[in-house]
Full PDB file with SEQRES, HELIX, SHEET, SSBOND, CRYST1, ORIGX, SCALE, CONECT and MASTER records, all heavy atoms in Angstrom:
SEQRES   1 A   35  GLY ARG ARG ALA PRO CYS VAL LEU ASN LEU TYR TYR GLU          
SEQRES   2 A   35  ARG ARG TRP GLU GLN PRO LEU THR ALA LEU ARG GLU GLU          
SEQRES   3 A   35  LEU GLY ILE THR GLY PRO PRO GLY HIS                          
HELIX    1 AA1 VAL A    7  ASN A    9  5                                   3    
HELIX    2 AA2 TYR A   12  ARG A   14  5                                   3    
HELIX    3 AA3 LEU A   20  LEU A   27  1                                   8    
CRYST1    1.000    1.000    1.000  90.00  90.00  90.00 P 1           1          
ORIGX1      1.000000  0.000000  0.000000        0.00000                         
ORIGX2      0.000000  1.000000  0.000000        0.00000                         
ORIGX3      0.000000  0.000000  1.000000        0.00000                         
SCALE1      1.000000  0.000000  0.000000        0.00000                         
SCALE2      0.000000  1.000000  0.000000        0.00000                         
SCALE3      0.000000  0.000000  1.000000        0.00000                         
ATOM      1  N   GLY A   1      34.912 129.989 218.230  1.00  0.00           N  
ATOM      2  CA  GLY A   1      34.170 130.557 219.343  1.00  0.00           C  
ATOM      3  C   GLY A   1      33.595 131.920 219.025  1.00  0.00           C  
ATOM      4  O   GLY A   1      32.471 132.250 219.438  1.00  0.00           O  
ATOM      5  N   ARG A   2      34.342 132.734 218.287  1.00  0.00           N  
ATOM      6  CA  ARG A   2      33.865 134.062 217.917  1.00  0.00           C  
ATOM      7  C   ARG A   2      32.783 133.995 216.840  1.00  0.00           C  
ATOM      8  O   ARG A   2      31.839 134.785 216.847  1.00  0.00           O  
ATOM      9  CB  ARG A   2      35.044 134.910 217.414  1.00  0.00           C  
ATOM     10  CG  ARG A   2      36.000 135.344 218.508  1.00  0.00           C  
ATOM     11  CD  ARG A   2      37.187 136.080 217.917  1.00  0.00           C  
ATOM     12  NE  ARG A   2      38.058 136.636 218.946  1.00  0.00           N  
ATOM     13  CZ  ARG A   2      39.253 137.160 218.717  1.00  0.00           C  
ATOM     14  NH1 ARG A   2      39.723 137.202 217.468  1.00  0.00           N  
ATOM     15  NH2 ARG A   2      39.986 137.634 219.707  1.00  0.00           N  
ATOM     16  N   ARG A   3      32.940 133.044 215.915  1.00  0.00           N  
ATOM     17  CA  ARG A   3      32.023 132.973 214.786  1.00  0.00           C  
ATOM     18  C   ARG A   3      30.677 132.347 215.149  1.00  0.00           C  
ATOM     19  O   ARG A   3      29.629 132.767 214.641  1.00  0.00           O  
ATOM     20  CB  ARG A   3      32.692 132.171 213.664  1.00  0.00           C  
ATOM     21  CG  ARG A   3      31.920 132.135 212.367  1.00  0.00           C  
ATOM     22  CD  ARG A   3      32.795 131.659 211.223  1.00  0.00           C  
ATOM     23  NE  ARG A   3      33.514 130.441 211.601  1.00  0.00           N  
ATOM     24  CZ  ARG A   3      34.833 130.286 211.505  1.00  0.00           C  
ATOM     25  NH1 ARG A   3      35.579 131.276 211.085  1.00  0.00           N  
ATOM     26  NH2 ARG A   3      35.410 129.139 211.841  1.00  0.00           N  
ATOM     27  N   ALA A   4      30.695 131.375 216.046  1.00  0.00           N  
ATOM     28  CA  ALA A   4      29.472 130.641 216.377  1.00  0.00           C  
ATOM     29  C   ALA A   4      28.561 131.475 217.276  1.00  0.00           C  
ATOM     30  O   ALA A   4      29.035 132.227 218.135  1.00  0.00           O  
ATOM     31  CB  ALA A   4      29.823 129.334 217.087  1.00  0.00           C  
ATOM     32  N   PRO A   5      27.241 131.360 217.110  1.00  0.00           N  
ATOM     33  CA  PRO A   5      26.318 131.961 218.075  1.00  0.00           C  
ATOM     34  C   PRO A   5      26.431 131.239 219.413  1.00  0.00           C  
ATOM     35  O   PRO A   5      27.096 130.199 219.514  1.00  0.00           O  
ATOM     36  CB  PRO A   5      24.943 131.745 217.433  1.00  0.00           C  
ATOM     37  CG  PRO A   5      25.124 130.557 216.548  1.00  0.00           C  
ATOM     38  CD  PRO A   5      26.541 130.613 216.058  1.00  0.00           C  
ATOM     39  N   CYS A   6      25.797 131.773 220.428  1.00  0.00           N  
ATOM     40  CA  CYS A   6      25.891 131.187 221.772  1.00  0.00           C  
ATOM     41  C   CYS A   6      25.427 129.730 221.755  1.00  0.00           C  
ATOM     42  O   CYS A   6      24.270 129.437 221.421  1.00  0.00           O  
ATOM     43  CB  CYS A   6      25.042 131.990 222.744  1.00  0.00           C  
ATOM     44  SG  CYS A   6      25.029 131.324 224.430  1.00  0.00           S  
ATOM     45  N   VAL A   7      26.313 128.813 222.118  1.00  0.00           N  
ATOM     46  CA  VAL A   7      25.993 127.385 222.029  1.00  0.00           C  
ATOM     47  C   VAL A   7      25.024 126.941 223.121  1.00  0.00           C  
ATOM     48  O   VAL A   7      24.483 125.843 223.050  1.00  0.00           O  
ATOM     49  CB  VAL A   7      27.278 126.529 222.088  1.00  0.00           C  
ATOM     50  CG1 VAL A   7      28.098 126.708 220.821  1.00  0.00           C  
ATOM     51  CG2 VAL A   7      28.107 126.871 223.327  1.00  0.00           C  
ATOM     52  N   LEU A   8      24.777 127.791 224.119  1.00  0.00           N  
ATOM     53  CA  LEU A   8      23.767 127.459 225.122  1.00  0.00           C  
ATOM     54  C   LEU A   8      22.357 127.681 224.594  1.00  0.00           C  
ATOM     55  O   LEU A   8      21.382 127.268 225.236  1.00  0.00           O  
ATOM     56  CB  LEU A   8      23.984 128.286 226.395  1.00  0.00           C  
ATOM     57  CG  LEU A   8      25.226 127.975 227.217  1.00  0.00           C  
ATOM     58  CD1 LEU A   8      25.217 128.788 228.504  1.00  0.00           C  
ATOM     59  CD2 LEU A   8      25.326 126.495 227.529  1.00  0.00           C  
ATOM     60  N   ASN A   9      22.238 128.329 223.441  1.00  0.00           N  
ATOM     61  CA  ASN A   9      20.922 128.561 222.853  1.00  0.00           C  
ATOM     62  C   ASN A   9      20.445 127.395 221.995  1.00  0.00           C  
ATOM     63  O   ASN A   9      19.394 127.494 221.363  1.00  0.00           O  
ATOM     64  CB  ASN A   9      20.938 129.833 221.997  1.00  0.00           C  
ATOM     65  CG  ASN A   9      20.962 131.093 222.840  1.00  0.00           C  
ATOM     66  OD1 ASN A   9      20.527 131.089 223.987  1.00  0.00           O  
ATOM     67  ND2 ASN A   9      21.486 132.171 222.284  1.00  0.00           N  
ATOM     68  N   LEU A  10      21.208 126.316 221.950  1.00  0.00           N  
ATOM     69  CA  LEU A  10      20.825 125.162 221.148  1.00  0.00           C  
ATOM     70  C   LEU A  10      20.102 124.137 222.019  1.00  0.00           C  
ATOM     71  O   LEU A  10      20.648 123.664 223.020  1.00  0.00           O  
ATOM     72  CB  LEU A  10      22.059 124.512 220.523  1.00  0.00           C  
ATOM     73  CG  LEU A  10      22.795 125.349 219.470  1.00  0.00           C  
ATOM     74  CD1 LEU A  10      24.064 124.639 219.047  1.00  0.00           C  
ATOM     75  CD2 LEU A  10      21.909 125.609 218.271  1.00  0.00           C  
ATOM     76  N   TYR A  11      18.903 123.784 221.616  1.00  0.00           N  
ATOM     77  CA  TYR A  11      18.127 122.753 222.308  1.00  0.00           C  
ATOM     78  C   TYR A  11      18.558 121.411 221.706  1.00  0.00           C  
ATOM     79  O   TYR A  11      17.873 120.836 220.867  1.00  0.00           O  
ATOM     80  CB  TYR A  11      16.630 122.997 222.113  1.00  0.00           C  
ATOM     81  CG  TYR A  11      15.756 122.505 223.235  1.00  0.00           C  
ATOM     82  CD1 TYR A  11      14.668 123.263 223.679  1.00  0.00           C  
ATOM     83  CD2 TYR A  11      16.003 121.282 223.865  1.00  0.00           C  
ATOM     84  CE1 TYR A  11      13.862 122.827 224.726  1.00  0.00           C  
ATOM     85  CE2 TYR A  11      15.198 120.847 224.902  1.00  0.00           C  
ATOM     86  CZ  TYR A  11      14.124 121.611 225.328  1.00  0.00           C  
ATOM     87  OH  TYR A  11      13.329 121.177 226.367  1.00  0.00           O  
ATOM     88  N   TYR A  12      19.709 120.922 222.164  1.00  0.00           N  
ATOM     89  CA  TYR A  12      20.336 119.744 221.557  1.00  0.00           C  
ATOM     90  C   TYR A  12      19.391 118.544 221.544  1.00  0.00           C  
ATOM     91  O   TYR A  12      19.391 117.753 220.594  1.00  0.00           O  
ATOM     92  CB  TYR A  12      21.620 119.392 222.305  1.00  0.00           C  
ATOM     93  CG  TYR A  12      22.679 120.456 222.220  1.00  0.00           C  
ATOM     94  CD1 TYR A  12      22.826 121.402 223.239  1.00  0.00           C  
ATOM     95  CD2 TYR A  12      23.529 120.544 221.131  1.00  0.00           C  
ATOM     96  CE1 TYR A  12      23.785 122.399 223.159  1.00  0.00           C  
ATOM     97  CE2 TYR A  12      24.500 121.528 221.045  1.00  0.00           C  
ATOM     98  CZ  TYR A  12      24.622 122.455 222.066  1.00  0.00           C  
ATOM     99  OH  TYR A  12      25.569 123.447 221.978  1.00  0.00           O  
ATOM    100  N   GLU A  13      18.609 118.402 222.608  1.00  0.00           N  
ATOM    101  CA  GLU A  13      17.727 117.251 222.720  1.00  0.00           C  
ATOM    102  C   GLU A  13      16.670 117.205 221.615  1.00  0.00           C  
ATOM    103  O   GLU A  13      16.086 116.145 221.367  1.00  0.00           O  
ATOM    104  CB  GLU A  13      17.026 117.253 224.088  1.00  0.00           C  
ATOM    105  CG  GLU A  13      17.984 117.149 225.270  1.00  0.00           C  
ATOM    106  CD  GLU A  13      18.459 118.496 225.780  1.00  0.00           C  
ATOM    107  OE1 GLU A  13      18.521 119.458 224.970  1.00  0.00           O  
ATOM    108  OE2 GLU A  13      18.766 118.617 226.978  1.00  0.00           O  
ATOM    109  N   ARG A  14      16.426 118.333 220.968  1.00  0.00           N  
ATOM    110  CA  ARG A  14      15.459 118.377 219.867  1.00  0.00           C  
ATOM    111  C   ARG A  14      16.149 118.431 218.509  1.00  0.00           C  
ATOM    112  O   ARG A  14      15.492 118.643 217.478  1.00  0.00           O  
ATOM    113  CB  ARG A  14      14.525 119.571 220.042  1.00  0.00           C  
ATOM    114  CG  ARG A  14      13.717 119.468 221.328  1.00  0.00           C  
ATOM    115  CD  ARG A  14      12.628 120.487 221.422  1.00  0.00           C  
ATOM    116  NE  ARG A  14      11.837 120.270 222.634  1.00  0.00           N  
ATOM    117  CZ  ARG A  14      10.810 121.029 223.007  1.00  0.00           C  
ATOM    118  NH1 ARG A  14      10.465 122.052 222.254  1.00  0.00           N  
ATOM    119  NH2 ARG A  14      10.137 120.766 224.111  1.00  0.00           N  
ATOM    120  N   ARG A  15      17.454 118.268 218.530  1.00  0.00           N  
ATOM    121  CA  ARG A  15      18.235 118.287 217.294  1.00  0.00           C  
ATOM    122  C   ARG A  15      18.978 116.970 217.059  1.00  0.00           C  
ATOM    123  O   ARG A  15      19.878 116.913 216.230  1.00  0.00           O  
ATOM    124  CB  ARG A  15      19.241 119.443 217.331  1.00  0.00           C  
ATOM    125  CG  ARG A  15      18.611 120.837 217.257  1.00  0.00           C  
ATOM    126  CD  ARG A  15      19.660 121.899 217.477  1.00  0.00           C  
ATOM    127  NE  ARG A  15      19.185 123.254 217.263  1.00  0.00           N  
ATOM    128  CZ  ARG A  15      19.396 123.957 216.160  1.00  0.00           C  
ATOM    129  NH1 ARG A  15      20.055 123.415 215.152  1.00  0.00           N  
ATOM    130  NH2 ARG A  15      18.956 125.198 216.046  1.00  0.00           N  
ATOM    131  N   TRP A  16      18.624 115.934 217.803  1.00  0.00           N  
ATOM    132  CA  TRP A  16      19.368 114.665 217.694  1.00  0.00           C  
ATOM    133  C   TRP A  16      19.438 114.160 216.259  1.00  0.00           C  
ATOM    134  O   TRP A  16      20.446 113.593 215.842  1.00  0.00           O  
ATOM    135  CB  TRP A  16      18.727 113.600 218.564  1.00  0.00           C  
ATOM    136  CG  TRP A  16      18.828 113.755 220.041  1.00  0.00           C  
ATOM    137  CD1 TRP A  16      17.819 113.593 220.949  1.00  0.00           C  
ATOM    138  CD2 TRP A  16      19.986 114.076 220.830  1.00  0.00           C  
ATOM    139  NE1 TRP A  16      18.266 113.807 222.230  1.00  0.00           N  
ATOM    140  CE2 TRP A  16      19.599 114.095 222.193  1.00  0.00           C  
ATOM    141  CE3 TRP A  16      21.319 114.351 220.509  1.00  0.00           C  
ATOM    142  CZ2 TRP A  16      20.484 114.377 223.225  1.00  0.00           C  
ATOM    143  CZ3 TRP A  16      22.208 114.642 221.543  1.00  0.00           C  
ATOM    144  CH2 TRP A  16      21.791 114.649 222.882  1.00  0.00           C  
ATOM    145  N   GLU A  17      18.379 114.340 215.478  1.00  0.00           N  
ATOM    146  CA  GLU A  17      18.332 113.787 214.127  1.00  0.00           C  
ATOM    147  C   GLU A  17      19.044 114.658 213.101  1.00  0.00           C  
ATOM    148  O   GLU A  17      19.271 114.227 211.974  1.00  0.00           O  
ATOM    149  CB  GLU A  17      16.875 113.581 213.698  1.00  0.00           C  
ATOM    150  CG  GLU A  17      16.130 112.581 214.577  1.00  0.00           C  
ATOM    151  CD  GLU A  17      14.695 112.388 214.138  1.00  0.00           C  
ATOM    152  OE1 GLU A  17      14.289 113.008 213.126  1.00  0.00           O  
ATOM    153  OE2 GLU A  17      13.969 111.621 214.803  1.00  0.00           O  
ATOM    154  N   GLN A  18      19.403 115.875 213.483  1.00  0.00           N  
ATOM    155  CA  GLN A  18      20.071 116.783 212.542  1.00  0.00           C  
ATOM    156  C   GLN A  18      21.470 116.269 212.219  1.00  0.00           C  
ATOM    157  O   GLN A  18      22.234 115.900 213.120  1.00  0.00           O  
ATOM    158  CB  GLN A  18      20.164 118.183 213.144  1.00  0.00           C  
ATOM    159  CG  GLN A  18      20.745 119.231 212.197  1.00  0.00           C  
ATOM    160  CD  GLN A  18      20.675 120.635 212.787  1.00  0.00           C  
ATOM    161  OE1 GLN A  18      20.204 120.834 213.899  1.00  0.00           O  
ATOM    162  NE2 GLN A  18      21.127 121.615 212.032  1.00  0.00           N  
ATOM    163  N   PRO A  19      21.851 116.232 210.947  1.00  0.00           N  
ATOM    164  CA  PRO A  19      23.214 115.824 210.607  1.00  0.00           C  
ATOM    165  C   PRO A  19      24.239 116.738 211.277  1.00  0.00           C  
ATOM    166  O   PRO A  19      24.067 117.967 211.291  1.00  0.00           O  
ATOM    167  CB  PRO A  19      23.259 115.957 209.082  1.00  0.00           C  
ATOM    168  CG  PRO A  19      21.832 115.837 208.644  1.00  0.00           C  
ATOM    169  CD  PRO A  19      21.034 116.488 209.747  1.00  0.00           C  
ATOM    170  N   LEU A  20      25.273 116.143 211.833  1.00  0.00           N  
ATOM    171  CA  LEU A  20      26.284 116.929 212.538  1.00  0.00           C  
ATOM    172  C   LEU A  20      26.943 117.934 211.602  1.00  0.00           C  
ATOM    173  O   LEU A  20      27.219 119.067 211.999  1.00  0.00           O  
ATOM    174  CB  LEU A  20      27.332 115.998 213.149  1.00  0.00           C  
ATOM    175  CG  LEU A  20      28.455 116.648 213.953  1.00  0.00           C  
ATOM    176  CD1 LEU A  20      27.902 117.487 215.087  1.00  0.00           C  
ATOM    177  CD2 LEU A  20      29.418 115.584 214.487  1.00  0.00           C  
ATOM    178  N   THR A  21      27.178 117.541 210.355  1.00  0.00           N  
ATOM    179  CA  THR A  21      27.791 118.465 209.401  1.00  0.00           C  
ATOM    180  C   THR A  21      26.890 119.676 209.153  1.00  0.00           C  
ATOM    181  O   THR A  21      27.379 120.803 209.021  1.00  0.00           O  
ATOM    182  CB  THR A  21      28.076 117.758 208.075  1.00  0.00           C  
ATOM    183  OG1 THR A  21      26.864 117.138 207.591  1.00  0.00           O  
ATOM    184  CG2 THR A  21      29.156 116.693 208.245  1.00  0.00           C  
ATOM    185  N   ALA A  22      25.570 119.442 209.099  1.00  0.00           N  
ATOM    186  CA  ALA A  22      24.634 120.544 208.881  1.00  0.00           C  
ATOM    187  C   ALA A  22      24.610 121.485 210.085  1.00  0.00           C  
ATOM    188  O   ALA A  22      24.518 122.712 209.928  1.00  0.00           O  
ATOM    189  CB  ALA A  22      23.236 119.998 208.601  1.00  0.00           C  
ATOM    190  N   LEU A  23      24.681 120.920 211.293  1.00  0.00           N  
ATOM    191  CA  LEU A  23      24.689 121.755 212.492  1.00  0.00           C  
ATOM    192  C   LEU A  23      25.973 122.572 212.561  1.00  0.00           C  
ATOM    193  O   LEU A  23      25.939 123.762 212.907  1.00  0.00           O  
ATOM    194  CB  LEU A  23      24.543 120.874 213.735  1.00  0.00           C  
ATOM    195  CG  LEU A  23      24.514 121.608 215.079  1.00  0.00           C  
ATOM    196  CD1 LEU A  23      23.415 122.663 215.115  1.00  0.00           C  
ATOM    197  CD2 LEU A  23      24.337 120.614 216.222  1.00  0.00           C  
ATOM    198  N   ARG A  24      27.096 121.960 212.224  1.00  0.00           N  
ATOM    199  CA  ARG A  24      28.351 122.713 212.201  1.00  0.00           C  
ATOM    200  C   ARG A  24      28.277 123.857 211.194  1.00  0.00           C  
ATOM    201  O   ARG A  24      28.734 124.972 211.470  1.00  0.00           O  
ATOM    202  CB  ARG A  24      29.513 121.780 211.855  1.00  0.00           C  
ATOM    203  CG  ARG A  24      29.921 120.853 212.991  1.00  0.00           C  
ATOM    204  CD  ARG A  24      30.919 119.816 212.509  1.00  0.00           C  
ATOM    205  NE  ARG A  24      31.430 119.013 213.610  1.00  0.00           N  
ATOM    206  CZ  ARG A  24      32.075 117.851 213.444  1.00  0.00           C  
ATOM    207  NH1 ARG A  24      32.289 117.387 212.221  1.00  0.00           N  
ATOM    208  NH2 ARG A  24      32.493 117.177 214.500  1.00  0.00           N  
ATOM    209  N   GLU A  25      27.695 123.588 210.045  1.00  0.00           N  
ATOM    210  CA  GLU A  25      27.559 124.635 209.032  1.00  0.00           C  
ATOM    211  C   GLU A  25      26.653 125.744 209.533  1.00  0.00           C  
ATOM    212  O   GLU A  25      26.929 126.939 209.324  1.00  0.00           O  
ATOM    213  CB  GLU A  25      27.002 124.031 207.745  1.00  0.00           C  
ATOM    214  CG  GLU A  25      26.919 125.019 206.593  1.00  0.00           C  
ATOM    215  CD  GLU A  25      26.451 124.365 205.309  1.00  0.00           C  
ATOM    216  OE1 GLU A  25      26.363 123.117 205.276  1.00  0.00           O  
ATOM    217  OE2 GLU A  25      26.174 125.104 204.341  1.00  0.00           O  
ATOM    218  N   GLU A  26      25.566 125.388 210.220  1.00  0.00           N  
ATOM    219  CA  GLU A  26      24.652 126.386 210.775  1.00  0.00           C  
ATOM    220  C   GLU A  26      25.364 127.288 211.782  1.00  0.00           C  
ATOM    221  O   GLU A  26      25.110 128.495 211.846  1.00  0.00           O  
ATOM    222  CB  GLU A  26      23.482 125.670 211.457  1.00  0.00           C  
ATOM    223  CG  GLU A  26      22.509 126.586 212.154  1.00  0.00           C  
ATOM    224  CD  GLU A  26      21.432 125.824 212.930  1.00  0.00           C  
ATOM    225  OE1 GLU A  26      21.130 124.665 212.570  1.00  0.00           O  
ATOM    226  OE2 GLU A  26      20.883 126.389 213.896  1.00  0.00           O  
ATOM    227  N   LEU A  27      26.253 126.701 212.558  1.00  0.00           N  
ATOM    228  CA  LEU A  27      26.955 127.453 213.604  1.00  0.00           C  
ATOM    229  C   LEU A  27      28.231 128.115 213.104  1.00  0.00           C  
ATOM    230  O   LEU A  27      28.832 128.912 213.837  1.00  0.00           O  
ATOM    231  CB  LEU A  27      27.292 126.514 214.771  1.00  0.00           C  
ATOM    232  CG  LEU A  27      26.111 125.841 215.469  1.00  0.00           C  
ATOM    233  CD1 LEU A  27      26.613 124.868 216.520  1.00  0.00           C  
ATOM    234  CD2 LEU A  27      25.188 126.875 216.091  1.00  0.00           C  
ATOM    235  N   GLY A  28      28.680 127.771 211.912  1.00  0.00           N  
ATOM    236  CA  GLY A  28      29.936 128.309 211.406  1.00  0.00           C  
ATOM    237  C   GLY A  28      31.151 127.646 212.005  1.00  0.00           C  
ATOM    238  O   GLY A  28      32.237 128.238 212.046  1.00  0.00           O  
ATOM    239  N   ILE A  29      30.999 126.408 212.475  1.00  0.00           N  
ATOM    240  CA  ILE A  29      32.105 125.674 213.089  1.00  0.00           C  
ATOM    241  C   ILE A  29      32.813 124.840 212.033  1.00  0.00           C  
ATOM    242  O   ILE A  29      32.177 124.048 211.328  1.00  0.00           O  
ATOM    243  CB  ILE A  29      31.608 124.782 214.236  1.00  0.00           C  
ATOM    244  CG1 ILE A  29      31.141 125.650 215.406  1.00  0.00           C  
ATOM    245  CG2 ILE A  29      32.692 123.803 214.696  1.00  0.00           C  
ATOM    246  CD1 ILE A  29      30.562 124.869 216.565  1.00  0.00           C  
ATOM    247  N   THR A  30      34.116 125.005 211.928  1.00  0.00           N  
ATOM    248  CA  THR A  30      34.916 124.231 210.991  1.00  0.00           C  
ATOM    249  C   THR A  30      35.632 123.103 211.722  1.00  0.00           C  
ATOM    250  O   THR A  30      35.817 123.156 212.937  1.00  0.00           O  
ATOM    251  CB  THR A  30      35.950 125.124 210.291  1.00  0.00           C  
ATOM    252  OG1 THR A  30      36.808 125.704 211.286  1.00  0.00           O  
ATOM    253  CG2 THR A  30      35.258 126.234 209.515  1.00  0.00           C  
ATOM    254  N   GLY A  31      36.039 122.090 210.970  1.00  0.00           N  
ATOM    255  CA  GLY A  31      36.742 120.966 211.558  1.00  0.00           C  
ATOM    256  C   GLY A  31      38.127 121.356 212.046  1.00  0.00           C  
ATOM    257  O   GLY A  31      38.698 122.355 211.597  1.00  0.00           O  
ATOM    258  N   PRO A  32      38.690 120.573 212.983  1.00  0.00           N  
ATOM    259  CA  PRO A  32      40.021 120.888 213.518  1.00  0.00           C  
ATOM    260  C   PRO A  32      41.102 120.713 212.465  1.00  0.00           C  
ATOM    261  O   PRO A  32      40.900 120.000 211.472  1.00  0.00           O  
ATOM    262  CB  PRO A  32      40.188 119.877 214.655  1.00  0.00           C  
ATOM    263  CG  PRO A  32      39.306 118.734 214.275  1.00  0.00           C  
ATOM    264  CD  PRO A  32      38.131 119.348 213.563  1.00  0.00           C  
ATOM    265  N   PRO A  33      42.253 121.366 212.645  1.00  0.00           N  
ATOM    266  CA  PRO A  33      43.374 121.185 211.715  1.00  0.00           C  
ATOM    267  C   PRO A  33      43.700 119.701 211.558  1.00  0.00           C  
ATOM    268  O   PRO A  33      43.848 118.976 212.545  1.00  0.00           O  
ATOM    269  CB  PRO A  33      44.519 121.949 212.395  1.00  0.00           C  
ATOM    270  CG  PRO A  33      43.835 122.952 213.272  1.00  0.00           C  
ATOM    271  CD  PRO A  33      42.567 122.296 213.738  1.00  0.00           C  
ATOM    272  N   GLY A  34      43.818 119.248 210.322  1.00  0.00           N  
ATOM    273  CA  GLY A  34      43.943 117.820 210.047  1.00  0.00           C  
ATOM    274  C   GLY A  34      45.127 117.148 210.703  1.00  0.00           C  
ATOM    275  O   GLY A  34      45.004 116.051 211.261  1.00  0.00           O  
ATOM    276  N   HIS A  35      46.284 117.785 210.705  1.00  0.00           N  
ATOM    277  CA  HIS A  35      47.480 117.114 211.211  1.00  0.00           C  
ATOM    278  C   HIS A  35      47.572 117.129 212.741  1.00  0.00           C  
ATOM    279  O   HIS A  35      48.528 116.607 213.299  1.00  0.00           O  
ATOM    280  CB  HIS A  35      48.746 117.750 210.621  1.00  0.00           C  
ATOM    281  CG  HIS A  35      48.932 119.181 210.983  1.00  0.00           C  
ATOM    282  ND1 HIS A  35      48.287 120.213 210.323  1.00  0.00           N  
ATOM    283  CD2 HIS A  35      49.700 119.765 211.936  1.00  0.00           C  
ATOM    284  CE1 HIS A  35      48.657 121.371 210.846  1.00  0.00           C  
ATOM    285  NE2 HIS A  35      49.509 121.129 211.832  1.00  0.00           N  
TER     286      HIS A  35                                                      
MASTER        0    0    0    3    0    0    0    6  285    1    0    3          
END                                                                             
C-alpha cells in the first residue's frame, strides 16, 4: 500500500489487455506470502 501509487488513478477499463504481472511490476506490488 505504501509503495504503490494511488490505485484510483488507474483507468482499469483501458488496461484490460495489459499483463497482470506487468501491471503489478508497474505499481510495485509483490505477490502474497506463499505459505
